[in-house]
Amino acid sequence: MILNFFDQFLSPSLMGLPLIALAIIMPAVIFQTPSNRWLNNRLITLQTWFINRFTQQLLQPLNVGGHKWAIILTALMLFLITINLLGLLPYTFTPTTQLSLNMAFALPLWLTTVLIGMLNQPTIALGHLLPEGTPTPLIPVLIIIETISLFIRPLALGVRLTANLTAGHLLMQLIATAAFVLISTMPAVAILTSIVLFLLTLLEVAVAMIQAYVFVLLLSLYLQENV
């Protein structure tokens, strides 16, 4: 029995080698590469349809300059959604529960959007720090507040993804432990607890997909401000 519920978030290792690298490689192994044939199997057809629909939905509000990011954003979405869903399987590890991994995605991509805005349209990029029509006495305060909110964006991206997945995994662990303990003393309560655990698992599947979408969507919104 796990004495510490947070042990499930420790990076597993085998013979001294961290298995997080294997978990990160898994999405590339699962998704099949489309072929040049006229007819493909159902899996590739469904996979291609999903990628096309997501890319179309993601790029619709973006300017033409932001369409260059289609491959990066789509690949990031597929990676995050696959890692999050695989982490719900028993005896698996979810790399996106690690803040370091999420920040490794959030910080460079956010910084790239900011640098693109500074290079291509510095006036508009700096204009976001001061809303139009601001009273003169409030200008220094608003510039400081907007600057802080700008630099806190990557932290919010990483912490949001980490906190949602971590909280869901902890709640599932607590309810599963309660159901296991109560099954011998109060079977009726254990059955109700198991039903709640099943419903929570469905909710966590939805959360895993939604959080991946929100992560990429916010990056696209940051990109839209700077292209």
Protein backbone atom coordinates (compact mmCIF):
# COMPACT_ATOMS: atom_id res chain seq x y z
CA MET A 1 0.00 0.00 0.00
CA ILE A 2 1.30 3.48 -0.84
CA LEU A 3 2.12 5.33 2.37
CA ASN A 4 2.56 8.68 0.63
CA PHE A 5 0.03 9.63 -2.03
CA PHE A 6 2.60 11.86 -3.72
CA ASP A 7 4.88 8.88 -4.44
CA GLN A 8 2.90 8.32 -7.65
CA PHE A 9 4.33 11.58 -9.02
CA LEU A 10 7.96 10.56 -8.54
CA SER A 11 9.80 9.90 -11.77
CA PRO A 12 10.21 6.09 -12.03
CA SER A 13 13.53 4.52 -12.93
CA LEU A 14 14.75 1.10 -13.99
CA MET A 15 18.33 0.08 -13.21
CA GLY A 16 19.17 3.71 -12.59
CA LEU A 17 17.71 4.90 -15.91
CA PRO A 18 14.76 7.36 -15.74
CA LEU A 19 11.67 6.02 -17.51
CA ILE A 20 10.28 9.50 -18.16
CA ALA A 21 12.17 9.47 -21.47
CA LEU A 22 10.28 6.32 -22.49
CA ALA A 23 6.96 7.94 -21.55
CA ILE A 24 7.77 11.01 -23.65
CA ILE A 25 8.59 8.84 -26.68
CA MET A 26 5.30 6.90 -26.48
CA PRO A 27 3.14 9.41 -28.47
CA ALA A 28 5.47 9.13 -31.44
CA VAL A 29 5.15 5.34 -31.31
CA ILE A 30 1.36 5.27 -30.99
CA PHE A 31 0.41 7.58 -33.87
CA GLN A 32 0.72 5.97 -37.27
CA THR A 33 2.37 7.71 -40.20
CA PRO A 34 -0.11 8.37 -43.06
CA SER A 35 0.79 6.66 -46.32
CA ASN A 36 0.47 7.82 -49.92
CA ARG A 37 -2.21 5.26 -50.74
CA TRP A 38 -5.68 6.25 -51.86
CA LEU A 39 -7.26 4.08 -49.17
CA ASN A 40 -5.97 3.88 -45.60
CA ASN A 41 -7.18 1.91 -42.61
CA ARG A 42 -9.79 3.31 -40.25
CA LEU A 43 -7.26 4.35 -37.63
CA ILE A 44 -5.22 6.51 -40.00
CA THR A 45 -8.39 7.98 -41.51
CA LEU A 46 -9.75 8.91 -38.08
CA GLN A 47 -6.37 10.23 -36.99
CA THR A 48 -6.02 12.39 -40.12
CA TRP A 49 -9.56 13.73 -39.75
CA PHE A 50 -8.94 14.69 -36.11
CA ILE A 51 -5.66 16.45 -36.93
CA ASN A 52 -7.18 18.36 -39.85
CA ARG A 53 -10.21 19.46 -37.83
CA PHE A 54 -8.09 20.57 -34.89
CA THR A 55 -5.64 22.45 -37.09
CA GLN A 56 -8.49 24.20 -38.90
CA GLN A 57 -10.14 25.15 -35.61
CA LEU A 58 -6.87 26.38 -34.15
CA LEU A 59 -5.74 28.48 -37.12
CA GLN A 60 -9.13 30.01 -37.92
CA PRO A 61 -8.76 33.05 -35.60
CA LEU A 62 -5.04 33.51 -36.39
CA ASN A 63 -3.59 35.86 -38.96
CA VAL A 64 -1.78 34.44 -41.96
CA GLY A 65 1.57 35.03 -40.26
CA GLY A 66 0.61 32.68 -37.45
CA HIS A 67 -0.16 29.78 -39.82
CA LYS A 68 3.54 28.95 -39.84
CA TRP A 69 3.05 27.60 -36.32
CA ALA A 70 0.53 24.98 -37.45
CA ILE A 71 2.93 22.03 -37.22
CA ILE A 72 4.33 23.06 -33.83
CA LEU A 73 0.96 23.68 -32.20
CA THR A 74 -0.66 20.56 -33.65
CA ALA A 75 2.27 18.36 -32.62
CA LEU A 76 2.19 19.87 -29.12
CA MET A 77 -1.54 19.22 -28.85
CA LEU A 78 -1.16 15.57 -29.91
CA PHE A 79 1.74 15.09 -27.51
CA LEU A 80 -0.04 16.57 -24.50
CA ILE A 81 -3.36 14.83 -25.07
CA THR A 82 -1.65 11.45 -25.56
CA ILE A 83 0.58 11.81 -22.51
CA ASN A 84 -2.35 12.92 -20.35
CA LEU A 85 -4.57 10.02 -21.43
CA LEU A 86 -1.82 7.41 -21.10
CA GLY A 87 -1.21 8.64 -17.56
CA LEU A 88 -4.72 7.53 -16.57
CA LEU A 89 -3.86 3.87 -17.22
CA PRO A 90 -2.93 1.73 -14.19
CA TYR A 91 0.77 1.39 -13.33
CA THR A 92 1.77 4.27 -15.59
CA PHE A 93 3.49 7.60 -15.07
CA THR A 94 2.24 10.99 -16.26
CA PRO A 95 5.16 13.26 -17.27
CA THR A 96 2.86 16.31 -17.44
CA THR A 97 2.39 16.17 -13.66
CA GLN A 98 5.97 17.46 -13.46
CA LEU A 99 6.16 21.26 -13.43
CA SER A 100 9.65 21.18 -14.94
CA LEU A 101 8.41 19.46 -18.11
CA ASN A 102 5.43 21.79 -18.52
CA MET A 103 7.61 24.86 -18.01
CA ALA A 104 10.06 23.48 -20.56
CA PHE A 105 7.20 23.69 -23.09
CA ALA A 106 5.56 26.90 -21.87
CA LEU A 107 8.57 29.17 -21.36
CA PRO A 108 10.36 28.81 -24.75
CA LEU A 109 7.12 28.96 -26.77
CA TRP A 110 5.84 32.01 -24.86
CA LEU A 111 9.22 33.72 -25.19
CA THR A 112 9.22 33.03 -28.94
CA THR A 113 5.81 34.70 -29.36
CA VAL A 114 7.05 37.75 -27.44
CA LEU A 115 10.24 37.99 -29.51
CA ILE A 116 8.24 37.70 -32.74
CA GLY A 117 6.08 40.61 -31.64
CA MET A 118 9.09 42.70 -30.65
CA LEU A 119 10.85 42.07 -33.97
CA ASN A 120 7.91 42.37 -36.38
CA GLN A 121 5.72 45.01 -34.73
CA PRO A 122 7.46 46.53 -31.70
CA THR A 123 5.04 49.45 -31.41
CA ILE A 124 1.95 47.23 -31.20
CA ALA A 125 3.72 44.74 -28.90
CA LEU A 126 4.70 47.48 -26.46
CA GLY A 127 1.27 49.06 -26.83
CA HIS A 128 -0.26 46.02 -25.12
CA LEU A 129 1.41 47.18 -21.90
CA LEU A 130 -0.72 50.34 -21.82
CA PRO A 131 -4.44 50.23 -22.62
CA GLU A 132 -5.74 53.05 -24.79
CA GLY A 133 -7.39 55.93 -22.95
CA THR A 134 -5.57 55.33 -19.65
CA PRO A 135 -5.53 58.40 -17.35
CA THR A 136 -2.08 59.92 -16.99
CA PRO A 137 -1.66 59.26 -13.23
CA LEU A 138 -2.38 55.55 -13.75
CA ILE A 139 0.11 55.03 -16.60
CA PRO A 140 3.12 53.91 -14.46
CA VAL A 141 0.98 51.59 -12.34
CA LEU A 142 -0.72 49.97 -15.34
CA ILE A 143 2.59 49.48 -17.16
CA ILE A 144 3.99 47.66 -14.12
CA ILE A 145 0.84 45.53 -13.76
CA GLU A 146 0.73 44.62 -17.46
CA THR A 147 4.45 43.78 -17.45
CA ILE A 148 3.99 41.47 -14.47
CA SER A 149 0.99 39.83 -16.13
CA LEU A 150 3.06 39.35 -19.29
CA PHE A 151 5.90 37.60 -17.50
CA ILE A 152 3.54 35.48 -15.40
CA ARG A 153 1.92 33.92 -18.48
CA PRO A 154 4.35 30.99 -18.90
CA LEU A 155 4.16 30.23 -15.18
CA ALA A 156 0.35 30.19 -15.39
CA LEU A 157 0.51 27.84 -18.38
CA GLY A 158 2.75 25.34 -16.64
CA VAL A 159 1.11 25.54 -13.21
CA ARG A 160 -2.42 25.21 -14.66
CA LEU A 161 -1.59 21.97 -16.47
CA THR A 162 0.38 20.55 -13.54
CA ALA A 163 -2.18 21.46 -10.87
CA ASN A 164 -5.21 20.10 -12.75
CA LEU A 165 -3.60 16.76 -13.51
CA THR A 166 -2.04 16.41 -10.07
CA ALA A 167 -5.31 17.21 -8.29
CA GLY A 168 -7.22 14.71 -10.44
CA HIS A 169 -4.73 11.92 -9.84
CA LEU A 170 -4.70 12.57 -6.09
CA LEU A 171 -8.49 12.56 -5.90
CA MET A 172 -8.69 9.29 -7.83
CA GLN A 173 -6.06 7.77 -5.52
CA LEU A 174 -7.96 8.88 -2.40
CA ILE A 175 -11.32 7.55 -3.61
CA ALA A 176 -9.78 4.26 -4.78
CA THR A 177 -8.09 3.80 -1.40
CA ALA A 178 -11.39 4.51 0.38
CA ALA A 179 -13.22 1.96 -1.78
CA PHE A 180 -10.52 -0.67 -1.11
CA VAL A 181 -10.65 -0.10 2.66
CA LEU A 182 -14.46 -0.06 2.90
CA ILE A 183 -15.10 -3.16 0.77
CA SER A 184 -14.66 -5.51 3.75
CA THR A 185 -16.51 -3.47 6.37
CA MET A 186 -19.20 -1.58 4.42
CA PRO A 187 -19.73 -3.18 0.98
CA ALA A 188 -22.66 -0.92 0.05
CA VAL A 189 -20.63 2.23 0.70
CA ALA A 190 -17.70 0.69 -1.18
CA ILE A 191 -19.92 0.08 -4.23
CA LEU A 192 -21.14 3.69 -4.14
CA THR A 193 -17.54 4.85 -3.80
CA SER A 194 -16.56 2.72 -6.80
CA ILE A 195 -19.34 4.32 -8.85
CA VAL A 196 -18.05 7.74 -7.87
CA LEU A 197 -14.55 6.62 -8.86
CA PHE A 198 -15.81 5.51 -12.27
CA LEU A 199 -17.54 8.86 -12.85
CA LEU A 200 -14.43 10.68 -11.69
CA THR A 201 -12.35 8.67 -14.14
CA LEU A 202 -14.61 9.80 -16.98
CA LEU A 203 -14.22 13.36 -15.75
CA GLU A 204 -10.44 13.00 -15.68
CA VAL A 205 -10.45 11.75 -19.27
CA ALA A 206 -12.29 14.93 -20.25
CA VAL A 207 -9.92 17.05 -18.13
CA ALA A 208 -6.89 15.43 -19.78
CA MET A 209 -8.15 16.42 -23.24
CA ILE A 210 -9.43 19.85 -22.22
CA GLN A 211 -6.22 20.87 -20.45
CA ALA A 212 -4.14 19.91 -23.48
CA TYR A 213 -6.46 21.97 -25.69
CA VAL A 214 -6.40 24.95 -23.29
CA PHE A 215 -2.58 24.89 -23.17
CA VAL A 216 -2.29 25.08 -26.96
CA LEU A 217 -5.21 27.52 -27.28
CA LEU A 218 -3.62 30.03 -24.90
CA LEU A 219 -0.34 29.78 -26.80
CA SER A 220 -2.22 30.53 -30.03
CA LEU A 221 -3.85 33.55 -28.38
CA TYR A 222 -0.45 34.83 -27.27
CA LEU A 223 0.77 34.32 -30.81
CA GLN A 224 -2.23 36.18 -32.24
CA GLU A 225 -1.25 39.26 -30.22
CA ASN A 226 2.21 39.35 -31.79
CA VAL A 227 1.66 38.49 -35.48
